[in-house]
Amino acid sequence: LITTVSFIACNSSANTDSVTAAKD
């Protein structure tokens, strides 16, 4: 789950700022 979340967070950075990605 952590790996998946990290992958999603890294790949969605163009659409979501880093703070929102961390919160998600």
PDB file of all heavy atoms in Angstrom:
ATOM      1  N   LEU A   1       0.824  -1.200   0.000  1.00  0.00           N
ATOM      2  CA  LEU A   1       0.000   0.000   0.000  1.00  0.00           C
ATOM      3  C   LEU A   1       0.861   1.254   0.000  1.00  0.00           C
ATOM      4  O   LEU A   1       0.622   2.186  -0.763  1.00  0.00           O
ATOM      5  CB  LEU A   1      -0.929   0.007   1.219  1.00  0.00           C
ATOM      6  CG  LEU A   1      -1.823   1.228   1.379  1.00  0.00           C
ATOM      7  CD1 LEU A   1      -2.789   1.332   0.211  1.00  0.00           C
ATOM      8  CD2 LEU A   1      -2.578   1.148   2.681  1.00  0.00           C
ATOM      9  N   ILE A   2       1.890   1.271   0.817  1.00  0.00           N
ATOM     10  CA  ILE A   2       2.776   2.431   0.889  1.00  0.00           C
ATOM     11  C   ILE A   2       3.483   2.643  -0.436  1.00  0.00           C
ATOM     12  O   ILE A   2       3.581   3.763  -0.935  1.00  0.00           O
ATOM     13  CB  ILE A   2       3.785   2.285   2.045  1.00  0.00           C
ATOM     14  CG1 ILE A   2       3.042   2.373   3.376  1.00  0.00           C
ATOM     15  CG2 ILE A   2       4.889   3.325   1.974  1.00  0.00           C
ATOM     16  CD1 ILE A   2       3.867   1.962   4.574  1.00  0.00           C
ATOM     17  N   THR A   3       3.954   1.589  -1.038  1.00  0.00           N
ATOM     18  CA  THR A   3       4.620   1.696  -2.338  1.00  0.00           C
ATOM     19  C   THR A   3       3.651   2.216  -3.384  1.00  0.00           C
ATOM     20  O   THR A   3       3.997   3.102  -4.177  1.00  0.00           O
ATOM     21  CB  THR A   3       5.176   0.318  -2.768  1.00  0.00           C
ATOM     22  OG1 THR A   3       6.071  -0.130  -1.749  1.00  0.00           O
ATOM     23  CG2 THR A   3       5.908   0.417  -4.090  1.00  0.00           C
ATOM     24  N   THR A   4       2.432   1.696  -3.382  1.00  0.00           N
ATOM     25  CA  THR A   4       1.426   2.141  -4.345  1.00  0.00           C
ATOM     26  C   THR A   4       1.090   3.600  -4.140  1.00  0.00           C
ATOM     27  O   THR A   4       1.025   4.378  -5.098  1.00  0.00           O
ATOM     28  CB  THR A   4       0.140   1.286  -4.218  1.00  0.00           C
ATOM     29  OG1 THR A   4       0.499  -0.078  -4.409  1.00  0.00           O
ATOM     30  CG2 THR A   4      -0.898   1.699  -5.230  1.00  0.00           C
ATOM     31  N   VAL A   5       0.893   4.003  -2.896  1.00  0.00           N
ATOM     32  CA  VAL A   5       0.569   5.391  -2.590  1.00  0.00           C
ATOM     33  C   VAL A   5       1.718   6.297  -3.016  1.00  0.00           C
ATOM     34  O   VAL A   5       1.492   7.351  -3.609  1.00  0.00           O
ATOM     35  CB  VAL A   5       0.256   5.564  -1.089  1.00  0.00           C
ATOM     36  CG1 VAL A   5       0.219   7.030  -0.703  1.00  0.00           C
ATOM     37  CG2 VAL A   5      -1.054   4.892  -0.743  1.00  0.00           C
ATOM     38  N   SER A   6       2.938   5.892  -2.743  1.00  0.00           N
ATOM     39  CA  SER A   6       4.100   6.691  -3.136  1.00  0.00           C
ATOM     40  C   SER A   6       4.169   6.827  -4.647  1.00  0.00           C
ATOM     41  O   SER A   6       4.443   7.904  -5.169  1.00  0.00           O
ATOM     42  CB  SER A   6       5.391   6.065  -2.620  1.00  0.00           C
ATOM     43  OG  SER A   6       5.382   6.034  -1.225  1.00  0.00           O
ATOM     44  N   PHE A   7       3.913   5.741  -5.354  1.00  0.00           N
ATOM     45  CA  PHE A   7       3.935   5.762  -6.811  1.00  0.00           C
ATOM     46  C   PHE A   7       2.850   6.689  -7.344  1.00  0.00           C
ATOM     47  O   PHE A   7       3.104   7.525  -8.208  1.00  0.00           O
ATOM     48  CB  PHE A   7       3.742   4.340  -7.366  1.00  0.00           C
ATOM     49  CG  PHE A   7       3.714   4.277  -8.868  1.00  0.00           C
ATOM     50  CD1 PHE A   7       4.887   4.391  -9.593  1.00  0.00           C
ATOM     51  CD2 PHE A   7       2.517   4.143  -9.549  1.00  0.00           C
ATOM     52  CE1 PHE A   7       4.864   4.342 -10.969  1.00  0.00           C
ATOM     53  CE2 PHE A   7       2.486   4.099 -10.919  1.00  0.00           C
ATOM     54  CZ  PHE A   7       3.658   4.200 -11.642  1.00  0.00           C
ATOM     55  N   ILE A   8       1.648   6.583  -6.782  1.00  0.00           N
ATOM     56  CA  ILE A   8       0.542   7.426  -7.219  1.00  0.00           C
ATOM     57  C   ILE A   8       0.863   8.886  -6.921  1.00  0.00           C
ATOM     58  O   ILE A   8       0.654   9.760  -7.752  1.00  0.00           O
ATOM     59  CB  ILE A   8      -0.778   6.998  -6.537  1.00  0.00           C
ATOM     60  CG1 ILE A   8      -1.225   5.642  -7.084  1.00  0.00           C
ATOM     61  CG2 ILE A   8      -1.871   8.042  -6.744  1.00  0.00           C
ATOM     62  CD1 ILE A   8      -2.357   4.999  -6.284  1.00  0.00           C
ATOM     63  N   ALA A   9       1.376   9.150  -5.726  1.00  0.00           N
ATOM     64  CA  ALA A   9       1.698  10.522  -5.338  1.00  0.00           C
ATOM     65  C   ALA A   9       2.747  11.113  -6.268  1.00  0.00           C
ATOM     66  O   ALA A   9       2.640  12.260  -6.683  1.00  0.00           O
ATOM     67  CB  ALA A   9       2.180  10.578  -3.896  1.00  0.00           C
ATOM     68  N   CYS A  10       3.763  10.341  -6.622  1.00  0.00           N
ATOM     69  CA  CYS A  10       4.813  10.839  -7.517  1.00  0.00           C
ATOM     70  C   CYS A  10       4.275  11.084  -8.919  1.00  0.00           C
ATOM     71  O   CYS A  10       4.619  12.051  -9.568  1.00  0.00           O
ATOM     72  CB  CYS A  10       5.978   9.851  -7.585  1.00  0.00           C
ATOM     73  SG  CYS A  10       6.928   9.783  -6.059  1.00  0.00           S
ATOM     74  N   ASN A  11       3.429  10.184  -9.402  1.00  0.00           N
ATOM     75  CA  ASN A  11       2.923  10.309 -10.758  1.00  0.00           C
ATOM     76  C   ASN A  11       1.799  11.316 -10.896  1.00  0.00           C
ATOM     77  O   ASN A  11       1.504  11.743 -11.996  1.00  0.00           O
ATOM     78  CB  ASN A  11       2.448   8.947 -11.279  1.00  0.00           C
ATOM     79  CG  ASN A  11       3.617   8.057 -11.608  1.00  0.00           C
ATOM     80  OD1 ASN A  11       4.644   8.539 -12.057  1.00  0.00           O
ATOM     81  ND2 ASN A  11       3.477   6.776 -11.364  1.00  0.00           N
ATOM     82  N   SER A  12       1.175  11.709  -9.798  1.00  0.00           N
ATOM     83  CA  SER A  12       0.088  12.669  -9.897  1.00  0.00           C
ATOM     84  C   SER A  12       0.546  14.079  -9.552  1.00  0.00           C
ATOM     85  O   SER A  12      -0.260  14.978  -9.462  1.00  0.00           O
ATOM     86  CB  SER A  12      -1.058  12.262  -8.972  1.00  0.00           C
ATOM     87  OG  SER A  12      -0.655  12.354  -7.630  1.00  0.00           O
ATOM     88  N   SER A  13       1.849  14.273  -9.380  1.00  0.00           N
ATOM     89  CA  SER A  13       2.346  15.569  -8.949  1.00  0.00           C
ATOM     90  C   SER A  13       2.051  16.668  -9.964  1.00  0.00           C
ATOM     91  O   SER A  13       1.970  17.828  -9.594  1.00  0.00           O
ATOM     92  CB  SER A  13       3.839  15.509  -8.655  1.00  0.00           C
ATOM     93  OG  SER A  13       4.552  15.178  -9.818  1.00  0.00           O
ATOM     94  N   ALA A  14       1.868  16.323 -11.220  1.00  0.00           N
ATOM     95  CA  ALA A  14       1.539  17.329 -12.211  1.00  0.00           C
ATOM     96  C   ALA A  14       0.133  17.871 -11.981  1.00  0.00           C
ATOM     97  O   ALA A  14      -0.163  19.004 -12.341  1.00  0.00           O
ATOM     98  CB  ALA A  14       1.648  16.744 -13.620  1.00  0.00           C
ATOM     99  N   ASN A  15      -0.727  17.079 -11.377  1.00  0.00           N
ATOM    100  CA  ASN A  15      -2.106  17.484 -11.167  1.00  0.00           C
ATOM    101  C   ASN A  15      -2.384  17.914  -9.734  1.00  0.00           C
ATOM    102  O   ASN A  15      -3.390  18.551  -9.472  1.00  0.00           O
ATOM    103  CB  ASN A  15      -3.048  16.324 -11.522  1.00  0.00           C
ATOM    104  CG  ASN A  15      -2.932  15.925 -12.978  1.00  0.00           C
ATOM    105  OD1 ASN A  15      -2.688  16.756 -13.825  1.00  0.00           O
ATOM    106  ND2 ASN A  15      -3.095  14.654 -13.252  1.00  0.00           N
ATOM    107  N   THR A  16      -1.553  17.542  -8.791  1.00  0.00           N
ATOM    108  CA  THR A  16      -1.802  17.795  -7.379  1.00  0.00           C
ATOM    109  C   THR A  16      -0.540  18.345  -6.746  1.00  0.00           C
ATOM    110  O   THR A  16       0.543  17.835  -6.994  1.00  0.00           O
ATOM    111  CB  THR A  16      -2.182  16.473  -6.676  1.00  0.00           C
ATOM    112  OG1 THR A  16      -3.264  15.871  -7.371  1.00  0.00           O
ATOM    113  CG2 THR A  16      -2.578  16.718  -5.251  1.00  0.00           C
ATOM    114  N   ASP A  17      -0.712  19.385  -5.921  1.00  0.00           N
ATOM    115  CA  ASP A  17       0.494  19.889  -5.271  1.00  0.00           C
ATOM    116  C   ASP A  17       0.968  18.912  -4.197  1.00  0.00           C
ATOM    117  O   ASP A  17       0.255  17.998  -3.800  1.00  0.00           O
ATOM    118  CB  ASP A  17       0.326  21.324  -4.771  1.00  0.00           C
ATOM    119  CG  ASP A  17      -0.463  21.488  -3.483  1.00  0.00           C
ATOM    120  OD1 ASP A  17      -0.649  20.511  -2.741  1.00  0.00           O
ATOM    121  OD2 ASP A  17      -0.880  22.622  -3.208  1.00  0.00           O
ATOM    122  N   SER A  18       2.190  19.084  -3.768  1.00  0.00           N
ATOM    123  CA  SER A  18       2.852  18.148  -2.861  1.00  0.00           C
ATOM    124  C   SER A  18       2.144  18.035  -1.515  1.00  0.00           C
ATOM    125  O   SER A  18       2.091  16.959  -0.927  1.00  0.00           O
ATOM    126  CB  SER A  18       4.299  18.594  -2.668  1.00  0.00           C
ATOM    127  OG  SER A  18       4.976  17.733  -1.810  1.00  0.00           O
ATOM    128  N   VAL A  19       1.593  19.130  -1.021  1.00  0.00           N
ATOM    129  CA  VAL A  19       0.904  19.102   0.267  1.00  0.00           C
ATOM    130  C   VAL A  19      -0.365  18.263   0.156  1.00  0.00           C
ATOM    131  O   VAL A  19      -0.646  17.423   1.017  1.00  0.00           O
ATOM    132  CB  VAL A  19       0.597  20.534   0.754  1.00  0.00           C
ATOM    133  CG1 VAL A  19      -0.277  20.526   1.998  1.00  0.00           C
ATOM    134  CG2 VAL A  19       1.904  21.286   1.013  1.00  0.00           C
ATOM    135  N   THR A  20      -1.120  18.457  -0.917  1.00  0.00           N
ATOM    136  CA  THR A  20      -2.333  17.669  -1.135  1.00  0.00           C
ATOM    137  C   THR A  20      -1.990  16.198  -1.303  1.00  0.00           C
ATOM    138  O   THR A  20      -2.669  15.322  -0.760  1.00  0.00           O
ATOM    139  CB  THR A  20      -3.106  18.194  -2.361  1.00  0.00           C
ATOM    140  OG1 THR A  20      -3.415  19.574  -2.147  1.00  0.00           O
ATOM    141  CG2 THR A  20      -4.387  17.413  -2.581  1.00  0.00           C
ATOM    142  N   ALA A  21      -0.914  15.907  -2.034  1.00  0.00           N
ATOM    143  CA  ALA A  21      -0.495  14.516  -2.222  1.00  0.00           C
ATOM    144  C   ALA A  21      -0.127  13.871  -0.885  1.00  0.00           C
ATOM    145  O   ALA A  21      -0.483  12.719  -0.621  1.00  0.00           O
ATOM    146  CB  ALA A  21       0.687  14.446  -3.185  1.00  0.00           C
ATOM    147  N   ALA A  22       0.564  14.623  -0.012  1.00  0.00           N
ATOM    148  CA  ALA A  22       0.920  14.092   1.313  1.00  0.00           C
ATOM    149  C   ALA A  22      -0.332  13.834   2.143  1.00  0.00           C
ATOM    150  O   ALA A  22      -0.455  12.793   2.793  1.00  0.00           O
ATOM    151  CB  ALA A  22       1.853  15.058   2.037  1.00  0.00           C
ATOM    152  N   LYS A  23      -1.281  14.763   2.098  1.00  0.00           N
ATOM    153  CA  LYS A  23      -2.540  14.583   2.841  1.00  0.00           C
ATOM    154  C   LYS A  23      -3.285  13.349   2.331  1.00  0.00           C
ATOM    155  O   LYS A  23      -3.806  12.558   3.124  1.00  0.00           O
ATOM    156  CB  LYS A  23      -3.420  15.823   2.712  1.00  0.00           C
ATOM    157  CG  LYS A  23      -2.919  17.006   3.501  1.00  0.00           C
ATOM    158  CD  LYS A  23      -3.801  18.229   3.293  1.00  0.00           C
ATOM    159  CE  LYS A  23      -3.272  19.433   4.042  1.00  0.00           C
ATOM    160  NZ  LYS A  23      -4.075  20.638   3.783  1.00  0.00           N
ATOM    161  N   ASP A  24      -3.343  13.184   1.014  1.00  0.00           N
ATOM    162  CA  ASP A  24      -4.028  12.023   0.433  1.00  0.00           C
ATOM    163  C   ASP A  24      -3.340  10.725   0.834  1.00  0.00           C
ATOM    164  O   ASP A  24      -3.994   9.740   1.184  1.00  0.00           O
ATOM    165  CB  ASP A  24      -4.083  12.135  -1.096  1.00  0.00           C
ATOM    166  CG  ASP A  24      -4.980  13.256  -1.582  1.00  0.00           C
ATOM    167  OD1 ASP A  24      -5.769  13.806  -0.767  1.00  0.00           O
ATOM    168  OD2 ASP A  24      -4.894  13.604  -2.774  1.00  0.00           O
TER     169      ASP A  24
END
